[in-house]
C-alpha atoms as a PDB file:
ATOM      1  CA  UNK A   1      -2.510  17.336   8.858  1.00  0.00           C
ATOM      2  CA  UNK A   2       0.171  20.008   8.624  1.00  0.00           C
ATOM      3  CA  UNK A   3       3.012  17.505   8.964  1.00  0.00           C
ATOM      4  CA  UNK A   4       3.562  13.895   9.946  1.00  0.00           C
ATOM      5  CA  UNK A   5       5.290  14.556  13.238  1.00  0.00           C
ATOM      6  CA  UNK A   6       1.992  15.854  14.592  1.00  0.00           C
ATOM      7  CA  UNK A   7       0.979  19.301  15.823  1.00  0.00           C
ATOM      8  CA  UNK A   8      -1.040  20.270  18.848  1.00  0.00           C
ATOM      9  CA  UNK A   9      -4.690  20.636  17.928  1.00  0.00           C
ATOM     10  CA  UNK A  10      -6.433  23.710  19.197  1.00  0.00           C
ATOM     11  CA  UNK A  11      -9.588  23.582  21.196  1.00  0.00           C
ATOM     12  CA  UNK A  12     -10.878  22.134  24.416  1.00  0.00           C
ATOM     13  CA  UNK A  13     -12.728  18.976  25.195  1.00  0.00           C
ATOM     14  CA  UNK A  14     -15.247  18.198  22.452  1.00  0.00           C
ATOM     15  CA  UNK A  15     -18.709  16.757  22.818  1.00  0.00           C
ATOM     16  CA  UNK A  16     -18.385  12.985  22.882  1.00  0.00           C
ATOM     17  CA  UNK A  17     -21.917  11.829  22.221  1.00  0.00           C
ATOM     18  CA  UNK A  18     -22.091   8.945  19.747  1.00  0.00           C
ATOM     19  CA  UNK A  19     -18.774   7.354  20.716  1.00  0.00           C
ATOM     20  CA  UNK A  20     -20.334   4.562  22.760  1.00  0.00           C
ATOM     21  CA  UNK A  21     -18.764   5.770  26.005  1.00  0.00           C
ATOM     22  CA  UNK A  22     -19.138   3.801  29.180  1.00  0.00           C
ATOM     23  CA  UNK A  23     -18.202   6.896  31.205  1.00  0.00           C
ATOM     24  CA  UNK A  24     -16.452  10.251  30.827  1.00  0.00           C
ATOM     25  CA  UNK A  25     -13.010   8.619  30.899  1.00  0.00           C
ATOM     26  CA  UNK A  26     -13.597   5.833  28.372  1.00  0.00           C
ATOM     27  CA  UNK A  27     -13.860   5.797  24.578  1.00  0.00           C
ATOM     28  CA  UNK A  28     -14.936   2.559  22.946  1.00  0.00           C
ATOM     29  CA  UNK A  29     -14.109   2.436  19.249  1.00  0.00           C
ATOM     30  CA  UNK A  30     -14.372  -0.258  16.571  1.00  0.00           C
ATOM     31  CA  UNK A  31     -11.634  -1.090  14.094  1.00  0.00           C
ATOM     32  CA  UNK A  32     -12.322  -2.947  10.829  1.00  0.00           C
ATOM     33  CA  UNK A  33      -9.790  -4.619   8.546  1.00  0.00           C
ATOM     34  CA  UNK A  34     -10.000  -6.900   5.516  1.00  0.00           C
ATOM     35  CA  UNK A  35      -6.917  -8.705   6.851  1.00  0.00           C
ATOM     36  CA  UNK A  36      -6.603 -11.220   9.666  1.00  0.00           C
ATOM     37  CA  UNK A  37      -4.693 -10.742  12.920  1.00  0.00           C
ATOM     38  CA  UNK A  38      -1.777 -12.939  11.731  1.00  0.00           C
ATOM     39  CA  UNK A  39      -1.205 -10.940   8.540  1.00  0.00           C
ATOM     40  CA  UNK A  40       1.664  -8.415   8.878  1.00  0.00           C
ATOM     41  CA  UNK A  41      -0.850  -5.565   8.584  1.00  0.00           C
ATOM     42  CA  UNK A  42      -3.023  -7.166  11.249  1.00  0.00           C
ATOM     43  CA  UNK A  43      -0.033  -7.646  13.540  1.00  0.00           C
ATOM     44  CA  UNK A  44       0.817  -3.960  13.143  1.00  0.00           C
ATOM     45  CA  UNK A  45      -2.805  -3.042  13.847  1.00  0.00           C
ATOM     46  CA  UNK A  46      -2.932  -5.051  17.065  1.00  0.00           C
ATOM     47  CA  UNK A  47       0.317  -3.533  18.323  1.00  0.00           C
ATOM     48  CA  UNK A  48      -1.083  -0.074  17.488  1.00  0.00           C
ATOM     49  CA  UNK A  49      -4.376  -0.812  19.267  1.00  0.00           C
ATOM     50  CA  UNK A  50      -2.454  -1.878  22.381  1.00  0.00           C
ATOM     51  CA  UNK A  51      -0.182   1.151  22.160  1.00  0.00           C
ATOM     52  CA  UNK A  52      -3.092   3.606  21.897  1.00  0.00           C
ATOM     53  CA  UNK A  53      -4.746   1.945  24.904  1.00  0.00           C
ATOM     54  CA  UNK A  54      -1.549   2.253  26.941  1.00  0.00           C
ATOM     55  CA  UNK A  55      -0.703   5.812  25.918  1.00  0.00           C
ATOM     56  CA  UNK A  56      -4.193   7.055  26.751  1.00  0.00           C
ATOM     57  CA  UNK A  57      -3.983   5.410  30.200  1.00  0.00           C
ATOM     58  CA  UNK A  58      -6.733   3.008  29.238  1.00  0.00           C
ATOM     59  CA  UNK A  59      -9.185   5.713  28.192  1.00  0.00           C
ATOM     60  CA  UNK A  60      -9.381   4.419  24.593  1.00  0.00           C
ATOM     61  CA  UNK A  61     -10.449   0.853  23.981  1.00  0.00           C
ATOM     62  CA  UNK A  62     -10.472  -0.357  20.367  1.00  0.00           C
ATOM     63  CA  UNK A  63     -12.248  -3.576  19.396  1.00  0.00           C
ATOM     64  CA  UNK A  64     -10.967  -5.074  16.109  1.00  0.00           C
ATOM     65  CA  UNK A  65     -13.124  -6.848  13.529  1.00  0.00           C
ATOM     66  CA  UNK A  66     -10.890  -8.872  11.212  1.00  0.00           C
ATOM     67  CA  UNK A  67     -11.201 -10.519   7.820  1.00  0.00           C
ATOM     68  CA  UNK A  68     -13.790  -8.399   5.982  1.00  0.00           C
ATOM     69  CA  UNK A  69     -16.394  -8.963   8.688  1.00  0.00           C
ATOM     70  CA  UNK A  70     -17.215  -5.240   8.543  1.00  0.00           C
ATOM     71  CA  UNK A  71     -15.256  -3.790   5.638  1.00  0.00           C
ATOM     72  CA  UNK A  72     -13.971  -4.680   2.170  1.00  0.00           C
ATOM     73  CA  UNK A  73     -10.631  -3.955   0.497  1.00  0.00           C
ATOM     74  CA  UNK A  74     -11.817  -2.031  -2.549  1.00  0.00           C
ATOM     75  CA  UNK A  75     -14.552   0.088  -0.960  1.00  0.00           C
ATOM     76  CA  UNK A  76     -13.249   0.197   2.599  1.00  0.00           C
ATOM     77  CA  UNK A  77     -12.526   3.911   2.609  1.00  0.00           C
ATOM     78  CA  UNK A  78     -16.068   4.772   1.502  1.00  0.00           C
ATOM     79  CA  UNK A  79     -17.434   2.354   4.092  1.00  0.00           C
ATOM     80  CA  UNK A  80     -15.380   4.018   6.814  1.00  0.00           C
ATOM     81  CA  UNK A  81     -16.572   7.480   5.764  1.00  0.00           C
ATOM     82  CA  UNK A  82     -20.142   6.166   5.911  1.00  0.00           C
ATOM     83  CA  UNK A  83     -19.653   5.018   9.520  1.00  0.00           C
ATOM     84  CA  UNK A  84     -19.452   1.237   9.144  1.00  0.00           C
ATOM     85  CA  UNK A  85     -16.676   1.369  11.760  1.00  0.00           C
ATOM     86  CA  UNK A  86     -14.946   4.071  13.788  1.00  0.00           C
ATOM     87  CA  UNK A  87     -11.476   3.150  12.490  1.00  0.00           C
ATOM     88  CA  UNK A  88     -10.391   0.997   9.584  1.00  0.00           C
ATOM     89  CA  UNK A  89      -7.694  -0.246   7.286  1.00  0.00           C
ATOM     90  CA  UNK A  90      -8.178   1.716   4.078  1.00  0.00           C
ATOM     91  CA  UNK A  91      -6.732   1.369   0.577  1.00  0.00           C
ATOM     92  CA  UNK A  92      -7.839   4.249  -1.670  1.00  0.00           C
ATOM     93  CA  UNK A  93      -5.221   3.013  -4.123  1.00  0.00           C
ATOM     94  CA  UNK A  94      -7.660   0.190  -4.983  1.00  0.00           C
ATOM     95  CA  UNK A  95     -10.918   2.172  -4.943  1.00  0.00           C
ATOM     96  CA  UNK A  96     -13.216   1.744  -7.936  1.00  0.00           C
ATOM     97  CA  UNK A  97     -13.463   5.493  -8.492  1.00  0.00           C
ATOM     98  CA  UNK A  98     -12.522   8.815  -6.929  1.00  0.00           C
ATOM     99  CA  UNK A  99      -9.316   9.370  -4.936  1.00  0.00           C
ATOM    100  CA  UNK A 100      -7.555  10.363  -8.144  1.00  0.00           C
ATOM    101  CA  UNK A 101      -4.172  11.178  -6.620  1.00  0.00           C
ATOM    102  CA  UNK A 102      -4.116   8.095  -4.418  1.00  0.00           C
ATOM    103  CA  UNK A 103      -5.077   5.794  -7.292  1.00  0.00           C
ATOM    104  CA  UNK A 104      -2.894   7.271 -10.023  1.00  0.00           C
ATOM    105  CA  UNK A 105       0.329   8.633  -8.539  1.00  0.00           C
ATOM    106  CA  UNK A 106       1.787   5.220  -7.491  1.00  0.00           C
ATOM    107  CA  UNK A 107       2.568   4.637 -11.172  1.00  0.00           C
ATOM    108  CA  UNK A 108       4.932   7.626 -11.018  1.00  0.00           C
ATOM    109  CA  UNK A 109       7.407   5.635  -8.898  1.00  0.00           C
ATOM    110  CA  UNK A 110       8.474   3.288 -11.698  1.00  0.00           C
ATOM    111  CA  UNK A 111      12.061   2.100 -11.332  1.00  0.00           C
ATOM    112  CA  UNK A 112      12.326   2.814  -7.606  1.00  0.00           C
ATOM    113  CA  UNK A 113      13.957  -0.182  -5.914  1.00  0.00           C
ATOM    114  CA  UNK A 114      13.943   0.976  -2.267  1.00  0.00           C
ATOM    115  CA  UNK A 115      10.505   0.962  -0.607  1.00  0.00           C
ATOM    116  CA  UNK A 116      11.679   3.326   2.137  1.00  0.00           C
ATOM    117  CA  UNK A 117      12.773   5.847  -0.471  1.00  0.00           C
ATOM    118  CA  UNK A 118       9.314   5.598  -2.044  1.00  0.00           C
ATOM    119  CA  UNK A 119       7.769   6.210   1.372  1.00  0.00           C
ATOM    120  CA  UNK A 120       9.998   9.219   2.077  1.00  0.00           C
ATOM    121  CA  UNK A 121       9.120  10.845  -1.246  1.00  0.00           C
ATOM    122  CA  UNK A 122       5.426  10.098  -0.826  1.00  0.00           C
ATOM    123  CA  UNK A 123       5.269  11.604   2.658  1.00  0.00           C
ATOM    124  CA  UNK A 124       6.950  14.737   1.339  1.00  0.00           C
ATOM    125  CA  UNK A 125       4.263  14.924  -1.342  1.00  0.00           C
ATOM    126  CA  UNK A 126       1.543  14.425   1.282  1.00  0.00           C
ATOM    127  CA  UNK A 127       2.895  17.349   3.292  1.00  0.00           C
ATOM    128  CA  UNK A 128       3.483  19.632   0.307  1.00  0.00           C
ATOM    129  CA  UNK A 129       0.334  18.974  -1.731  1.00  0.00           C
ATOM    130  CA  UNK A 130      -2.822  19.431   0.374  1.00  0.00           C
ATOM    131  CA  UNK A 131      -4.887  17.900  -2.442  1.00  0.00           C
ATOM    132  CA  UNK A 132      -3.868  14.437  -1.220  1.00  0.00           C
ATOM    133  CA  UNK A 133      -5.551  15.003   2.139  1.00  0.00           C
ATOM    134  CA  UNK A 134      -8.455  16.944   0.649  1.00  0.00           C
ATOM    135  CA  UNK A 135      -9.572  13.967  -1.431  1.00  0.00           C
ATOM    136  CA  UNK A 136      -9.854  11.930   1.787  1.00  0.00           C
ATOM    137  CA  UNK A 137     -12.918  13.938   2.817  1.00  0.00           C
ATOM    138  CA  UNK A 138     -14.794  12.233   5.653  1.00  0.00           C
ATOM    139  CA  UNK A 139     -11.741  10.309   6.882  1.00  0.00           C
ATOM    140  CA  UNK A 140      -8.889  11.308   9.180  1.00  0.00           C
ATOM    141  CA  UNK A 141      -5.720   9.551   7.977  1.00  0.00           C
ATOM    142  CA  UNK A 142      -3.747   7.873  10.778  1.00  0.00           C
ATOM    143  CA  UNK A 143      -1.182   5.725   8.960  1.00  0.00           C
ATOM    144  CA  UNK A 144       0.440   4.948   5.607  1.00  0.00           C
ATOM    145  CA  UNK A 145       1.642   1.877   3.729  1.00  0.00           C
ATOM    146  CA  UNK A 146       4.353   1.413   1.158  1.00  0.00           C
ATOM    147  CA  UNK A 147       4.404  -1.681  -1.002  1.00  0.00           C
ATOM    148  CA  UNK A 148       7.706  -3.535  -1.131  1.00  0.00           C
ATOM    149  CA  UNK A 149       8.873  -3.912  -4.759  1.00  0.00           C
ATOM    150  CA  UNK A 150       7.552  -6.804  -6.790  1.00  0.00           C
ATOM    151  CA  UNK A 151       9.752  -8.793  -9.165  1.00  0.00           C
ATOM    152  CA  UNK A 152       9.424 -11.313 -11.967  1.00  0.00           C
ATOM    153  CA  UNK A 153       8.774 -14.966 -11.118  1.00  0.00           C
ATOM    154  CA  UNK A 154       9.050 -17.431 -14.030  1.00  0.00           C
ATOM    155  CA  UNK A 155       8.406 -21.132 -14.532  1.00  0.00           C
ATOM    156  CA  UNK A 156      10.954 -22.193 -17.117  1.00  0.00           C
ATOM    157  CA  UNK A 157      13.921 -19.831 -17.350  1.00  0.00           C
ATOM    158  CA  UNK A 158      15.320 -16.756 -15.595  1.00  0.00           C
ATOM    159  CA  UNK A 159      14.944 -13.229 -16.926  1.00  0.00           C
ATOM    160  CA  UNK A 160      18.252 -11.585 -17.795  1.00  0.00           C
ATOM    161  CA  UNK A 161      17.702  -9.444 -20.906  1.00  0.00           C
ATOM    162  CA  UNK A 162      14.608  -7.662 -22.210  1.00  0.00           C
ATOM    163  CA  UNK A 163      14.450 -10.073 -25.143  1.00  0.00           C
ATOM    164  CA  UNK A 164      13.649 -12.820 -22.620  1.00  0.00           C
ATOM    165  CA  UNK A 165      10.144 -11.336 -22.263  1.00  0.00           C
ATOM    166  CA  UNK A 166       9.235 -12.048 -25.887  1.00  0.00           C
ATOM    167  CA  UNK A 167       6.231 -14.367 -26.127  1.00  0.00           C
ATOM    168  CA  UNK A 168       5.680 -14.777 -22.380  1.00  0.00           C
ATOM    169  CA  UNK A 169       2.280 -14.553 -20.683  1.00  0.00           C
ATOM    170  CA  UNK A 170       2.719 -12.919 -17.283  1.00  0.00           C
ATOM    171  CA  UNK A 171       0.145 -12.295 -14.590  1.00  0.00           C
ATOM    172  CA  UNK A 172       0.444  -8.567 -13.976  1.00  0.00           C
ATOM    173  CA  UNK A 173      -1.213  -5.575 -12.388  1.00  0.00           C
ATOM    174  CA  UNK A 174      -2.799  -3.232 -14.922  1.00  0.00           C
ATOM    175  CA  UNK A 175      -0.034  -0.650 -14.396  1.00  0.00           C
ATOM    176  CA  UNK A 176       2.572  -3.011 -15.866  1.00  0.00           C
ATOM    177  CA  UNK A 177       0.704  -4.347 -18.911  1.00  0.00           C
ATOM    178  CA  UNK A 178       1.783  -1.593 -21.306  1.00  0.00           C
ATOM    179  CA  UNK A 179       5.477  -1.926 -20.486  1.00  0.00           C
ATOM    180  CA  UNK A 180       5.349  -5.709 -20.866  1.00  0.00           C
ATOM    181  CA  UNK A 181       3.652  -5.374 -24.247  1.00  0.00           C
ATOM    182  CA  UNK A 182       6.424  -3.057 -25.400  1.00  0.00           C
ATOM    183  CA  UNK A 183       8.867  -5.924 -25.022  1.00  0.00           C
ATOM    184  CA  UNK A 184       6.693  -8.613 -26.570  1.00  0.00           C
ATOM    185  CA  UNK A 185       5.052 -10.084 -23.460  1.00  0.00           C
ATOM    186  CA  UNK A 186       1.340 -10.354 -22.700  1.00  0.00           C
ATOM    187  CA  UNK A 187       0.224  -9.032 -19.337  1.00  0.00           C
ATOM    188  CA  UNK A 188      -2.657 -11.077 -17.920  1.00  0.00           C
ATOM    189  CA  UNK A 189      -4.769  -9.360 -15.238  1.00  0.00           C
ATOM    190  CA  UNK A 190      -6.300 -12.369 -13.492  1.00  0.00           C
ATOM    191  CA  UNK A 191      -6.935 -12.296  -9.715  1.00  0.00           C
ATOM    192  CA  UNK A 192      -3.823 -13.169  -7.732  1.00  0.00           C
ATOM    193  CA  UNK A 193      -5.741 -16.005  -6.062  1.00  0.00           C
ATOM    194  CA  UNK A 194      -6.176 -17.675  -9.483  1.00  0.00           C
ATOM    195  CA  UNK A 195      -2.503 -17.415 -10.367  1.00  0.00           C
ATOM    196  CA  UNK A 196      -1.194 -20.568  -8.642  1.00  0.00           C
ATOM    197  CA  UNK A 197      -3.250 -22.997 -10.784  1.00  0.00           C
ATOM    198  CA  UNK A 198      -2.539 -20.909 -13.895  1.00  0.00           C
ATOM    199  CA  UNK A 199       1.199 -21.244 -13.235  1.00  0.00           C
ATOM    200  CA  UNK A 200       0.848 -24.912 -12.387  1.00  0.00           C
ATOM    201  CA  UNK A 201      -0.920 -25.675 -15.709  1.00  0.00           C
ATOM    202  CA  UNK A 202       1.252 -23.371 -17.786  1.00  0.00           C
ATOM    203  CA  UNK A 203      -1.602 -21.012 -18.621  1.00  0.00           C
ATOM    204  CA  UNK A 204       0.806 -18.228 -17.664  1.00  0.00           C
ATOM    205  CA  UNK A 205       4.590 -18.350 -17.746  1.00  0.00           C
ATOM    206  CA  UNK A 206       5.153 -16.089 -14.790  1.00  0.00           C
ATOM    207  CA  UNK A 207       3.853 -13.530 -12.354  1.00  0.00           C
ATOM    208  CA  UNK A 208       4.955 -10.138 -11.069  1.00  0.00           C
ATOM    209  CA  UNK A 209       4.789 -10.477  -7.278  1.00  0.00           C
ATOM    210  CA  UNK A 210       6.836  -9.821  -4.116  1.00  0.00           C
ATOM    211  CA  UNK A 211       9.046 -12.252  -2.220  1.00  0.00           C
ATOM    212  CA  UNK A 212       6.362 -12.906   0.384  1.00  0.00           C
ATOM    213  CA  UNK A 213       4.075 -14.458  -2.262  1.00  0.00           C
ATOM    214  CA  UNK A 214       6.540 -17.333  -2.587  1.00  0.00           C
ATOM    215  CA  UNK A 215       5.261 -18.478   0.791  1.00  0.00           C
ATOM    216  CA  UNK A 216       1.873 -16.809   1.362  1.00  0.00           C
ATOM    217  CA  UNK A 217       0.542 -17.867  -2.050  1.00  0.00           C
ATOM    218  CA  UNK A 218       2.827 -20.927  -2.381  1.00  0.00           C
ATOM    219  CA  UNK A 219       4.263 -19.667  -5.667  1.00  0.00           C
ATOM    220  CA  UNK A 220       7.595 -21.302  -4.768  1.00  0.00           C
ATOM    221  CA  UNK A 221       5.906 -24.619  -5.545  1.00  0.00           C
ATOM    222  CA  UNK A 222       5.122 -23.708  -9.159  1.00  0.00           C
ATOM    223  CA  UNK A 223       7.918 -21.359 -10.293  1.00  0.00           C
ATOM    224  CA  UNK A 224      11.630 -22.039 -10.573  1.00  0.00           C
ATOM    225  CA  UNK A 225      13.160 -18.610 -11.107  1.00  0.00           C
ATOM    226  CA  UNK A 226      12.896 -15.296  -9.298  1.00  0.00           C
ATOM    227  CA  UNK A 227      14.473 -12.445 -11.274  1.00  0.00           C
ATOM    228  CA  UNK A 228      14.884  -9.156  -9.439  1.00  0.00           C
ATOM    229  CA  UNK A 229      13.386  -6.791 -12.016  1.00  0.00           C
ATOM    230  CA  UNK A 230      11.804  -4.152  -9.740  1.00  0.00           C
ATOM    231  CA  UNK A 231       8.181  -3.045 -10.034  1.00  0.00           C
ATOM    232  CA  UNK A 232       7.467  -0.319  -7.483  1.00  0.00           C
ATOM    233  CA  UNK A 233       4.031  -0.265  -5.848  1.00  0.00           C
ATOM    234  CA  UNK A 234       4.038   3.263  -4.453  1.00  0.00           C
ATOM    235  CA  UNK A 235       2.592   4.359  -1.106  1.00  0.00           C
ATOM    236  CA  UNK A 236      -0.877   5.284   0.133  1.00  0.00           C
ATOM    237  CA  UNK A 237      -2.951   6.174   3.227  1.00  0.00           C
ATOM    238  CA  UNK A 238      -3.750   2.883   4.953  1.00  0.00           C
ATOM    239  CA  UNK A 239      -5.402   3.581   8.326  1.00  0.00           C
ATOM    240  CA  UNK A 240      -8.069   6.114   9.116  1.00  0.00           C
ATOM    241  CA  UNK A 241     -10.810   7.223  11.460  1.00  0.00           C
ATOM    242  CA  UNK A 242     -14.314   8.277  10.522  1.00  0.00           C
ATOM    243  CA  UNK A 243     -14.207  12.081  10.320  1.00  0.00           C
ATOM    244  CA  UNK A 244     -17.239  12.650  12.528  1.00  0.00           C
ATOM    245  CA  UNK A 245     -15.840  10.347  15.212  1.00  0.00           C
ATOM    246  CA  UNK A 246     -12.500  12.142  15.028  1.00  0.00           C
ATOM    247  CA  UNK A 247     -14.103  15.549  15.464  1.00  0.00           C
ATOM    248  CA  UNK A 248     -15.795  14.426  18.702  1.00  0.00           C
ATOM    249  CA  UNK A 249     -12.630  13.188  20.374  1.00  0.00           C
ATOM    250  CA  UNK A 250     -10.958  15.509  22.901  1.00  0.00           C
ATOM    251  CA  UNK A 251      -7.760  17.187  21.751  1.00  0.00           C
ATOM    252  CA  UNK A 252      -5.468  15.175  24.011  1.00  0.00           C
ATOM    253  CA  UNK A 253      -6.783  11.878  22.638  1.00  0.00           C
ATOM    254  CA  UNK A 254      -6.467  13.179  19.078  1.00  0.00           C
ATOM    255  CA  UNK A 255      -2.850  14.059  19.845  1.00  0.00           C
ATOM    256  CA  UNK A 256      -2.048  10.484  20.880  1.00  0.00           C
ATOM    257  CA  UNK A 257      -3.325   9.230  17.511  1.00  0.00           C
ATOM    258  CA  UNK A 258      -1.394  11.981  15.694  1.00  0.00           C
ATOM    259  CA  UNK A 259       1.798  11.118  17.556  1.00  0.00           C
ATOM    260  CA  UNK A 260       1.537   7.484  16.431  1.00  0.00           C
ATOM    261  CA  UNK A 261       1.122   8.048  12.686  1.00  0.00           C
ATOM    262  CA  UNK A 262       4.804   7.543  11.924  1.00  0.00           C
ATOM    263  CA  UNK A 263       5.054   4.705  14.451  1.00  0.00           C
ATOM    264  CA  UNK A 264       2.225   2.779  12.783  1.00  0.00           C
ATOM    265  CA  UNK A 265       3.628   3.487   9.318  1.00  0.00           C
ATOM    266  CA  UNK A 266       7.107   2.294  10.278  1.00  0.00           C
ATOM    267  CA  UNK A 267       5.864  -0.764  12.154  1.00  0.00           C
ATOM    268  CA  UNK A 268       3.706  -1.809   9.216  1.00  0.00           C
ATOM    269  CA  UNK A 269       6.708  -1.587   6.896  1.00  0.00           C
ATOM    270  CA  UNK A 270       8.982  -3.517   9.269  1.00  0.00           C
ATOM    271  CA  UNK A 271       6.512  -6.370   9.687  1.00  0.00           C
ATOM    272  CA  UNK A 272       5.852  -6.482   5.936  1.00  0.00           C
ATOM    273  CA  UNK A 273       9.607  -6.606   5.292  1.00  0.00           C
ATOM    274  CA  UNK A 274       9.980  -9.476   7.757  1.00  0.00           C
ATOM    275  CA  UNK A 275       7.328 -11.326   5.739  1.00  0.00           C
ATOM    276  CA  UNK A 276       9.328 -10.583   2.566  1.00  0.00           C
ATOM    277  CA  UNK A 277      12.451 -12.060   4.142  1.00  0.00           C
ATOM    278  CA  UNK A 278      10.545 -15.153   5.224  1.00  0.00           C
ATOM    279  CA  UNK A 279       9.125 -15.539   1.719  1.00  0.00           C
ATOM    280  CA  UNK A 280      12.564 -15.462   0.148  1.00  0.00           C
ATOM    281  CA  UNK A 281      13.894 -17.960   2.676  1.00  0.00           C
ATOM    282  CA  UNK A 282      10.971 -20.269   1.862  1.00  0.00           C
ATOM    283  CA  UNK A 283      11.753 -19.984  -1.841  1.00  0.00           C
ATOM    284  CA  UNK A 284      15.385 -20.886  -1.205  1.00  0.00           C
ATOM    285  CA  UNK A 285      14.275 -23.955   0.769  1.00  0.00           C
ATOM    286  CA  UNK A 286      12.201 -25.132  -2.180  1.00  0.00           C
ATOM    287  CA  UNK A 287      15.018 -24.592  -4.643  1.00  0.00           C
ATOM    288  CA  UNK A 288      13.911 -21.394  -6.374  1.00  0.00           C
ATOM    289  CA  UNK A 289      16.851 -19.788  -8.208  1.00  0.00           C
ATOM    290  CA  UNK A 290      17.266 -16.047  -7.537  1.00  0.00           C
ATOM    291  CA  UNK A 291      19.139 -13.740  -9.873  1.00  0.00           C
ATOM    292  CA  UNK A 292      19.842 -10.031 -10.031  1.00  0.00           C
ATOM    293  CA  UNK A 293      19.269  -8.007 -13.198  1.00  0.00           C
ATOM    294  CA  UNK A 294      21.843  -5.647 -14.686  1.00  0.00           C
ATOM    295  CA  UNK A 295      21.276  -1.951 -13.972  1.00  0.00           C
ATOM    296  CA  UNK A 296      21.266  -1.112 -17.677  1.00  0.00           C
ATOM    297  CA  UNK A 297      18.407  -3.557 -18.253  1.00  0.00           C
ATOM    298  CA  UNK A 298      16.428  -2.147 -15.338  1.00  0.00           C
ATOM    299  CA  UNK A 299      16.937   1.385 -16.664  1.00  0.00           C
ATOM    300  CA  UNK A 300      15.746   0.474 -20.161  1.00  0.00           C
ATOM    301  CA  UNK A 301      12.739  -1.402 -18.823  1.00  0.00           C
ATOM    302  CA  UNK A 302      11.797   1.457 -16.503  1.00  0.00           C
ATOM    303  CA  UNK A 303      11.894   3.907 -19.422  1.00  0.00           C
ATOM    304  CA  UNK A 304       8.870   2.106 -20.879  1.00  0.00           C
ATOM    305  CA  UNK A 305       6.781   3.476 -17.998  1.00  0.00           C
ATOM    306  CA  UNK A 306       7.708   7.101 -18.647  1.00  0.00           C
ATOM    307  CA  UNK A 307       5.155   8.075 -21.284  1.00  0.00           C
ATOM    308  CA  UNK A 308       2.186   6.306 -19.613  1.00  0.00           C
ATOM    309  CA  UNK A 309       3.068   8.133 -16.382  1.00  0.00           C
ATOM    310  CA  UNK A 310       3.256  11.443 -18.235  1.00  0.00           C
ATOM    311  CA  UNK A 311      -0.146  10.763 -19.818  1.00  0.00           C
ATOM    312  CA  UNK A 312      -1.584  10.012 -16.371  1.00  0.00           C
ATOM    313  CA  UNK A 313      -0.154  13.283 -15.073  1.00  0.00           C
ATOM    314  CA  UNK A 314      -1.811  15.181 -17.916  1.00  0.00           C
ATOM    315  CA  UNK A 315      -5.157  13.556 -17.095  1.00  0.00           C
ATOM    316  CA  UNK A 316      -4.778  14.700 -13.491  1.00  0.00           C
ATOM    317  CA  UNK A 317      -3.889  18.194 -14.699  1.00  0.00           C
ATOM    318  CA  UNK A 318      -7.131  18.259 -16.694  1.00  0.00           C
ATOM    319  CA  UNK A 319      -9.022  17.514 -13.463  1.00  0.00           C
ATOM    320  CA  UNK A 320      -7.473  20.561 -11.815  1.00  0.00           C
ATOM    321  CA  UNK A 321      -4.967  18.475  -9.854  1.00  0.00           C
ATOM    322  CA  UNK A 322      -1.172  18.980  -9.816  1.00  0.00           C
ATOM    323  CA  UNK A 323      -0.377  15.816 -11.749  1.00  0.00           C
ATOM    324  CA  UNK A 324       2.608  17.042 -13.737  1.00  0.00           C
ATOM    325  CA  UNK A 325       4.052  18.883 -10.756  1.00  0.00           C
ATOM    326  CA  UNK A 326       3.839  15.748  -8.617  1.00  0.00           C
ATOM    327  CA  UNK A 327       5.332  13.573 -11.373  1.00  0.00           C
ATOM    328  CA  UNK A 328       8.258  15.954 -11.777  1.00  0.00           C
ATOM    329  CA  UNK A 329       8.881  15.830  -8.018  1.00  0.00           C
ATOM    330  CA  UNK A 330       8.852  12.036  -8.019  1.00  0.00           C
ATOM    331  CA  UNK A 331      11.203  11.797 -10.998  1.00  0.00           C
ATOM    332  CA  UNK A 332      13.631  14.478  -9.790  1.00  0.00           C
ATOM    333  CA  UNK A 333      17.152  13.214  -8.908  1.00  0.00           C
ATOM    334  CA  UNK A 334      17.538  12.349  -5.233  1.00  0.00           C
ATOM    335  CA  UNK A 335      20.620  13.113  -3.168  1.00  0.00           C
END
């Protein structure tokens, strides 16, 4: 993809065998997602499915399969490339192996507080470094996600200074464990679904999670303080089409999908943000205390991520990938 606004694809009508056509004017495709239709990602998917149907004058009909009925979260991109579905929600950021840039560069965005700024920088990287798209071999990318920042939820007291982390056990993604340890906290990498009872029993003192988890995972019932210490989650390709299926679509149908990449990306973010707002409102209803964190504290905390990110960049360099160049772009001052 030369750029995200879409370019006209050369060529005439392609052979369409294997697409399950009912006739020469109809393309029946399957869409698989690990999420349900009421999840913000599922809501965005359904709106996109309807939009594609309308903008192709009914020529494309997409049947969704929700809730891991066809595809999993961790291996979904490999499953899509193998032809489990024609289209799918994908998350190479969580893949067990491969997809080195997708899996490793999100850690470069430490300290970013604005998800839309993360998305803007990431899309620039996608356009400027073809290696991102090259590692998606077998899949045509049709949309992107950006994770809204996560913060620090605590049971017993708010976080205000870095010394407040001393001695705490905090459920954390792997990317944050090293920084927490540097300030005397233990990062615990249990599944998020096990975190509610761990908080309830005091097995952990807190969790790094977004506002929406106050409601979706009921964390507002077992924590008392939400301290806005940002933990960026980066961005990643999130929707795709099997490459062989893509290559058999006629150019005009391909163009409709291309023209909706930014629409799907933006709609996904907007619906996810609405869920964040609802999560915060739910927390306020249950009496959770919210507090901001001083900029100087955020800056010092973010600095703890610098050397691990640099080490990750060097590992990417050793693989023949532009790790250090990408890191320097991410960390460069923004106007």
